[in-house]
Amino acid sequence: MNDNQKTVDLAEKLWTRLRGQKPDTGRHPQICGDIPMSIGRDGTWFYQGGPIGRIELVKLFSSVLQRDEEGGHWLVTPAEMARIDVEDVAFIAVEMQNEGEGKDQKIRFRTNIDQWVELDQDHPLRVEHDPETDEPSPYVGLDRGLEARLNRAVFYQLVELAEEISDPDNGMIRIGVYSHGQFFEIGRMEATE
């Protein structure tokens, strides 16, 4: 497969994920390469090294942002595609709400661009642990392959709701929360007798 065909295939795949349908035959967004836009670890969007101060502009750009299978972040419009640099993830979860209890509980998060997302099967929780410090970094899945990292205050709120579930098969206790009938693991510890 030549480089031109790889470019067309990538453009079609990203367009299909964003729009939910394949582009018209022969009409693919042109890949423009990397542009001087980035997103910092704290969720701040930058253009040419300076922060983008208007939230309306950030919301506009975020509406065409998606992540590919290799973890690259792209702005995809009908005419063009451009890769941007993202330090960690594109968004930060800055607020949490919950209703109900136990398996009937529903949890949702608000991102730094005022987007609400339900913690459910399509928007799961994952927790990465720093290999040196074992410090957790929790993330919630968003649409188009994107994620939001929970800020510290939101993560502490989530931990307050945590339940322990015994896993006798491996002698561990799973710690996590229920949302929309599904258990989302935050961590594990060894069971003591």
C-alpha atoms as a PDB file:
ATOM      1  CA  MET A   1       0.000   0.000   0.000  1.00  0.00           C
ATOM      2  CA  ASN A   2       1.496   3.354  -1.000  1.00  0.00           C
ATOM      3  CA  ASP A   3       1.591   6.492   1.189  1.00  0.00           C
ATOM      4  CA  ASN A   4      -1.232   8.161  -0.744  1.00  0.00           C
ATOM      5  CA  GLN A   5      -3.558   5.191  -0.160  1.00  0.00           C
ATOM      6  CA  LYS A   6      -2.621   5.126   3.571  1.00  0.00           C
ATOM      7  CA  THR A   7      -3.521   8.817   3.780  1.00  0.00           C
ATOM      8  CA  VAL A   8      -6.879   8.235   2.085  1.00  0.00           C
ATOM      9  CA  ASP A   9      -7.608   5.252   4.359  1.00  0.00           C
ATOM     10  CA  LEU A  10      -6.763   7.267   7.497  1.00  0.00           C
ATOM     11  CA  ALA A  11      -8.896  10.191   6.316  1.00  0.00           C
ATOM     12  CA  GLU A  12     -11.844   7.895   5.608  1.00  0.00           C
ATOM     13  CA  LYS A  13     -11.528   6.110   8.962  1.00  0.00           C
ATOM     14  CA  LEU A  14     -11.410   9.357  10.966  1.00  0.00           C
ATOM     15  CA  TRP A  15     -14.252  10.902   8.960  1.00  0.00           C
ATOM     16  CA  THR A  16     -16.404   7.800   9.485  1.00  0.00           C
ATOM     17  CA  ARG A  17     -15.804   7.831  13.243  1.00  0.00           C
ATOM     18  CA  LEU A  18     -16.640  11.536  13.519  1.00  0.00           C
ATOM     19  CA  ARG A  19     -19.670  11.628  11.249  1.00  0.00           C
ATOM     20  CA  GLY A  20     -20.995   8.061  11.637  1.00  0.00           C
ATOM     21  CA  GLN A  21     -20.916   7.499   7.876  1.00  0.00           C
ATOM     22  CA  LYS A  22     -18.380   7.160   5.096  1.00  0.00           C
ATOM     23  CA  PRO A  23     -17.565  10.264   3.048  1.00  0.00           C
ATOM     24  CA  ASP A  24     -18.909  10.585  -0.482  1.00  0.00           C
ATOM     25  CA  THR A  25     -16.798   8.576  -2.913  1.00  0.00           C
ATOM     26  CA  GLY A  26     -13.620  10.418  -3.749  1.00  0.00           C
ATOM     27  CA  ARG A  27     -14.268  13.190  -1.216  1.00  0.00           C
ATOM     28  CA  HIS A  28     -11.907  12.823   1.711  1.00  0.00           C
ATOM     29  CA  PRO A  29     -10.564  15.520   3.978  1.00  0.00           C
ATOM     30  CA  GLN A  30      -7.052  16.525   2.969  1.00  0.00           C
ATOM     31  CA  ILE A  31      -4.445  15.757   5.633  1.00  0.00           C
ATOM     32  CA  CYS A  32      -2.648  18.992   6.463  1.00  0.00           C
ATOM     33  CA  GLY A  33      -0.151  17.439   8.879  1.00  0.00           C
ATOM     34  CA  ASP A  34       0.624  18.979  12.248  1.00  0.00           C
ATOM     35  CA  ILE A  35      -0.556  22.483  13.117  1.00  0.00           C
ATOM     36  CA  PRO A  36       0.719  24.740  15.946  1.00  0.00           C
ATOM     37  CA  MET A  37      -2.165  23.856  18.258  1.00  0.00           C
ATOM     38  CA  SER A  38      -1.806  21.853  21.453  1.00  0.00           C
ATOM     39  CA  ILE A  39      -3.600  20.911  24.653  1.00  0.00           C
ATOM     40  CA  GLY A  40      -1.706  20.981  27.959  1.00  0.00           C
ATOM     41  CA  ARG A  41      -2.032  18.457  30.776  1.00  0.00           C
ATOM     42  CA  ASP A  42      -4.331  20.867  32.638  1.00  0.00           C
ATOM     43  CA  GLY A  43      -6.780  21.002  29.683  1.00  0.00           C
ATOM     44  CA  THR A  44      -5.655  24.424  28.406  1.00  0.00           C
ATOM     45  CA  TRP A  45      -5.793  24.752  24.620  1.00  0.00           C
ATOM     46  CA  PHE A  46      -2.939  26.632  22.934  1.00  0.00           C
ATOM     47  CA  TYR A  47      -2.413  28.080  19.464  1.00  0.00           C
ATOM     48  CA  GLN A  48       1.106  29.080  18.404  1.00  0.00           C
ATOM     49  CA  GLY A  49       2.227  28.759  22.031  1.00  0.00           C
ATOM     50  CA  GLY A  50      -0.388  31.103  23.503  1.00  0.00           C
ATOM     51  CA  PRO A  51      -3.518  29.973  25.347  1.00  0.00           C
ATOM     52  CA  ILE A  52      -6.849  30.175  23.558  1.00  0.00           C
ATOM     53  CA  GLY A  53      -8.794  32.393  25.946  1.00  0.00           C
ATOM     54  CA  ARG A  54     -12.257  32.145  24.395  1.00  0.00           C
ATOM     55  CA  ILE A  55     -14.146  29.079  25.590  1.00  0.00           C
ATOM     56  CA  GLU A  56     -16.451  29.347  22.561  1.00  0.00           C
ATOM     57  CA  LEU A  57     -13.451  28.797  20.267  1.00  0.00           C
ATOM     58  CA  VAL A  58     -12.256  25.830  22.342  1.00  0.00           C
ATOM     59  CA  LYS A  59     -15.756  24.316  22.168  1.00  0.00           C
ATOM     60  CA  LEU A  60     -15.796  24.806  18.391  1.00  0.00           C
ATOM     61  CA  PHE A  61     -12.433  23.080  17.936  1.00  0.00           C
ATOM     62  CA  SER A  62     -13.397  20.317  20.375  1.00  0.00           C
ATOM     63  CA  SER A  63     -16.512  19.526  18.305  1.00  0.00           C
ATOM     64  CA  VAL A  64     -14.283  18.257  15.460  1.00  0.00           C
ATOM     65  CA  LEU A  65     -11.579  16.661  17.636  1.00  0.00           C
ATOM     66  CA  GLN A  66     -11.054  12.911  17.672  1.00  0.00           C
ATOM     67  CA  ARG A  67      -8.366  10.386  18.537  1.00  0.00           C
ATOM     68  CA  ASP A  68      -7.100   7.647  16.238  1.00  0.00           C
ATOM     69  CA  GLU A  69      -6.177   4.078  17.225  1.00  0.00           C
ATOM     70  CA  GLU A  70      -2.535   5.053  17.800  1.00  0.00           C
ATOM     71  CA  GLY A  71      -3.519   7.820  20.233  1.00  0.00           C
ATOM     72  CA  GLY A  72      -3.025  10.753  17.825  1.00  0.00           C
ATOM     73  CA  HIS A  73      -5.443  13.673  18.118  1.00  0.00           C
ATOM     74  CA  TRP A  74      -6.931  15.192  14.956  1.00  0.00           C
ATOM     75  CA  LEU A  75      -9.148  18.124  14.063  1.00  0.00           C
ATOM     76  CA  VAL A  76     -11.332  16.756  11.247  1.00  0.00           C
ATOM     77  CA  THR A  77     -13.544  18.919   9.030  1.00  0.00           C
ATOM     78  CA  PRO A  78     -15.122  17.959   5.693  1.00  0.00           C
ATOM     79  CA  ALA A  79     -12.228  19.610   3.839  1.00  0.00           C
ATOM     80  CA  GLU A  80      -9.150  19.133   6.047  1.00  0.00           C
ATOM     81  CA  MET A  81      -7.600  17.079   8.818  1.00  0.00           C
ATOM     82  CA  ALA A  82      -4.781  18.312  11.031  1.00  0.00           C
ATOM     83  CA  ARG A  83      -2.969  16.622  13.891  1.00  0.00           C
ATOM     84  CA  ILE A  84      -2.524  18.506  17.160  1.00  0.00           C
ATOM     85  CA  ASP A  85      -0.271  17.772  20.123  1.00  0.00           C
ATOM     86  CA  VAL A  86      -2.032  16.657  23.308  1.00  0.00           C
ATOM     87  CA  GLU A  87       0.094  16.306  26.447  1.00  0.00           C
ATOM     88  CA  ASP A  88      -2.185  13.802  28.186  1.00  0.00           C
ATOM     89  CA  VAL A  89      -5.874  13.977  27.233  1.00  0.00           C
ATOM     90  CA  ALA A  90      -7.972  16.696  25.661  1.00  0.00           C
ATOM     91  CA  PHE A  91     -10.335  17.333  28.573  1.00  0.00           C
ATOM     92  CA  ILE A  92     -10.555  17.449  32.358  1.00  0.00           C
ATOM     93  CA  ALA A  93     -13.575  16.280  34.377  1.00  0.00           C
ATOM     94  CA  VAL A  94     -14.193  19.169  36.791  1.00  0.00           C
ATOM     95  CA  GLU A  95     -17.523  18.214  38.382  1.00  0.00           C
ATOM     96  CA  MET A  96     -19.341  15.028  39.343  1.00  0.00           C
ATOM     97  CA  GLN A  97     -22.994  14.343  40.098  1.00  0.00           C
ATOM     98  CA  ASN A  98     -24.598  11.125  41.251  1.00  0.00           C
ATOM     99  CA  GLU A  99     -28.096   9.937  41.962  1.00  0.00           C
ATOM    100  CA  GLY A 100     -29.333   6.710  43.467  1.00  0.00           C
ATOM    101  CA  GLU A 101     -27.363   4.111  45.400  1.00  0.00           C
ATOM    102  CA  GLY A 102     -25.681   0.774  44.850  1.00  0.00           C
ATOM    103  CA  LYS A 103     -26.234  -0.873  41.492  1.00  0.00           C
ATOM    104  CA  ASP A 104     -28.981   1.654  40.669  1.00  0.00           C
ATOM    105  CA  GLN A 105     -26.591   4.587  41.017  1.00  0.00           C
ATOM    106  CA  LYS A 106     -25.923   6.870  38.055  1.00  0.00           C
ATOM    107  CA  ILE A 107     -22.775   8.983  37.917  1.00  0.00           C
ATOM    108  CA  ARG A 108     -22.006  11.734  35.460  1.00  0.00           C
ATOM    109  CA  PHE A 109     -19.118  14.127  34.939  1.00  0.00           C
ATOM    110  CA  ARG A 110     -18.859  17.665  33.540  1.00  0.00           C
ATOM    111  CA  THR A 111     -15.749  18.482  31.531  1.00  0.00           C
ATOM    112  CA  ASN A 112     -13.856  21.761  31.385  1.00  0.00           C
ATOM    113  CA  ILE A 113     -15.853  22.663  28.243  1.00  0.00           C
ATOM    114  CA  ASP A 114     -19.227  22.100  29.974  1.00  0.00           C
ATOM    115  CA  GLN A 115     -19.868  18.741  28.309  1.00  0.00           C
ATOM    116  CA  TRP A 116     -21.683  16.198  30.496  1.00  0.00           C
ATOM    117  CA  VAL A 117     -20.903  12.500  30.155  1.00  0.00           C
ATOM    118  CA  GLU A 118     -22.537   9.543  31.892  1.00  0.00           C
ATOM    119  CA  LEU A 119     -20.285   6.889  33.411  1.00  0.00           C
ATOM    120  CA  ASP A 120     -21.616   3.841  31.560  1.00  0.00           C
ATOM    121  CA  GLN A 121     -20.654   1.021  29.228  1.00  0.00           C
ATOM    122  CA  ASP A 122     -19.963   3.414  26.343  1.00  0.00           C
ATOM    123  CA  HIS A 123     -18.075   5.880  28.560  1.00  0.00           C
ATOM    124  CA  PRO A 124     -16.057   3.686  30.949  1.00  0.00           C
ATOM    125  CA  LEU A 125     -13.674   4.575  33.741  1.00  0.00           C
ATOM    126  CA  ARG A 126     -10.030   3.535  33.600  1.00  0.00           C
ATOM    127  CA  VAL A 127      -7.351   4.223  36.196  1.00  0.00           C
ATOM    128  CA  GLU A 128      -3.660   4.332  35.297  1.00  0.00           C
ATOM    129  CA  HIS A 129      -1.055   4.077  38.068  1.00  0.00           C
ATOM    130  CA  ASP A 130       2.325   5.790  37.922  1.00  0.00           C
ATOM    131  CA  PRO A 131       4.911   2.963  37.935  1.00  0.00           C
ATOM    132  CA  GLU A 132       7.229   4.872  40.312  1.00  0.00           C
ATOM    133  CA  THR A 133       4.804   6.515  42.749  1.00  0.00           C
ATOM    134  CA  ASP A 134       1.710   4.320  42.238  1.00  0.00           C
ATOM    135  CA  GLU A 135      -0.302   7.575  42.077  1.00  0.00           C
ATOM    136  CA  PRO A 136      -3.605   6.992  40.260  1.00  0.00           C
ATOM    137  CA  SER A 137      -4.708   8.934  37.174  1.00  0.00           C
ATOM    138  CA  PRO A 138      -8.417   8.290  36.508  1.00  0.00           C
ATOM    139  CA  TYR A 139      -9.992   8.820  33.069  1.00  0.00           C
ATOM    140  CA  VAL A 140     -13.521   8.618  31.706  1.00  0.00           C
ATOM    141  CA  GLY A 141     -14.126   7.715  28.076  1.00  0.00           C
ATOM    142  CA  LEU A 142     -15.839  10.202  25.796  1.00  0.00           C
ATOM    143  CA  ASP A 143     -17.090   9.904  22.221  1.00  0.00           C
ATOM    144  CA  ARG A 144     -14.778   9.755  19.162  1.00  0.00           C
ATOM    145  CA  GLY A 145     -12.035   7.938  21.101  1.00  0.00           C
ATOM    146  CA  LEU A 146     -11.430  10.892  23.431  1.00  0.00           C
ATOM    147  CA  GLU A 147     -11.043  10.892  27.212  1.00  0.00           C
ATOM    148  CA  ALA A 148     -11.243  13.281  30.150  1.00  0.00           C
ATOM    149  CA  ARG A 149      -8.975  12.977  33.177  1.00  0.00           C
ATOM    150  CA  LEU A 150     -10.772  13.417  36.503  1.00  0.00           C
ATOM    151  CA  ASN A 151      -9.280  16.281  38.505  1.00  0.00           C
ATOM    152  CA  ARG A 152      -8.214  15.492  42.057  1.00  0.00           C
ATOM    153  CA  ALA A 153     -11.370  16.864  43.744  1.00  0.00           C
ATOM    154  CA  VAL A 154     -13.668  14.879  41.422  1.00  0.00           C
ATOM    155  CA  PHE A 155     -11.615  11.719  41.950  1.00  0.00           C
ATOM    156  CA  TYR A 156     -11.891  12.127  45.737  1.00  0.00           C
ATOM    157  CA  GLN A 157     -15.680  12.482  45.379  1.00  0.00           C
ATOM    158  CA  LEU A 158     -15.737   9.294  43.332  1.00  0.00           C
ATOM    159  CA  VAL A 159     -13.637   7.439  45.910  1.00  0.00           C
ATOM    160  CA  GLU A 160     -16.113   8.472  48.637  1.00  0.00           C
ATOM    161  CA  LEU A 161     -18.778   6.500  46.744  1.00  0.00           C
ATOM    162  CA  ALA A 162     -16.563   3.425  46.374  1.00  0.00           C
ATOM    163  CA  GLU A 163     -17.678  -0.018  47.442  1.00  0.00           C
ATOM    164  CA  GLU A 164     -15.637  -3.136  48.098  1.00  0.00           C
ATOM    165  CA  ILE A 165     -16.364  -6.370  46.264  1.00  0.00           C
ATOM    166  CA  SER A 166     -14.645  -9.583  47.299  1.00  0.00           C
ATOM    167  CA  ASP A 167     -12.969 -11.534  44.488  1.00  0.00           C
ATOM    168  CA  PRO A 168     -12.318 -14.943  46.114  1.00  0.00           C
ATOM    169  CA  ASP A 169     -10.832 -16.450  42.943  1.00  0.00           C
ATOM    170  CA  ASN A 170      -7.638 -14.430  43.334  1.00  0.00           C
ATOM    171  CA  GLY A 171      -7.794 -13.369  47.009  1.00  0.00           C
ATOM    172  CA  MET A 172      -8.344  -9.716  46.134  1.00  0.00           C
ATOM    173  CA  ILE A 173     -10.896  -7.079  47.039  1.00  0.00           C
ATOM    174  CA  ARG A 174     -12.004  -4.880  44.155  1.00  0.00           C
ATOM    175  CA  ILE A 175     -12.724  -1.256  45.012  1.00  0.00           C
ATOM    176  CA  GLY A 176     -14.971   0.708  42.694  1.00  0.00           C
ATOM    177  CA  VAL A 177     -18.312   2.295  41.952  1.00  0.00           C
ATOM    178  CA  TYR A 178     -21.529   1.298  40.251  1.00  0.00           C
ATOM    179  CA  SER A 179     -23.045   3.432  37.550  1.00  0.00           C
ATOM    180  CA  HIS A 180     -25.859   2.416  35.190  1.00  0.00           C
ATOM    181  CA  GLY A 181     -25.743  -1.108  36.627  1.00  0.00           C
ATOM    182  CA  GLN A 182     -22.079  -1.670  35.815  1.00  0.00           C
ATOM    183  CA  PHE A 183     -19.161  -1.878  38.263  1.00  0.00           C
ATOM    184  CA  PHE A 184     -16.153   0.329  37.468  1.00  0.00           C
ATOM    185  CA  GLU A 185     -12.973  -0.606  39.264  1.00  0.00           C
ATOM    186  CA  ILE A 186     -10.853   2.087  40.894  1.00  0.00           C
ATOM    187  CA  GLY A 187      -8.306  -0.233  42.508  1.00  0.00           C
ATOM    188  CA  ARG A 188      -7.607  -3.517  44.261  1.00  0.00           C
ATOM    189  CA  MET A 189      -6.141  -4.693  47.524  1.00  0.00           C
ATOM    190  CA  GLU A 190      -5.296  -8.050  48.997  1.00  0.00           C
ATOM    191  CA  ALA A 191      -8.020  -9.647  51.089  1.00  0.00           C
ATOM    192  CA  THR A 192      -7.103 -10.188  54.724  1.00  0.00           C
ATOM    193  CA  GLU A 193      -8.449 -13.155  56.592  1.00  0.00           C
END
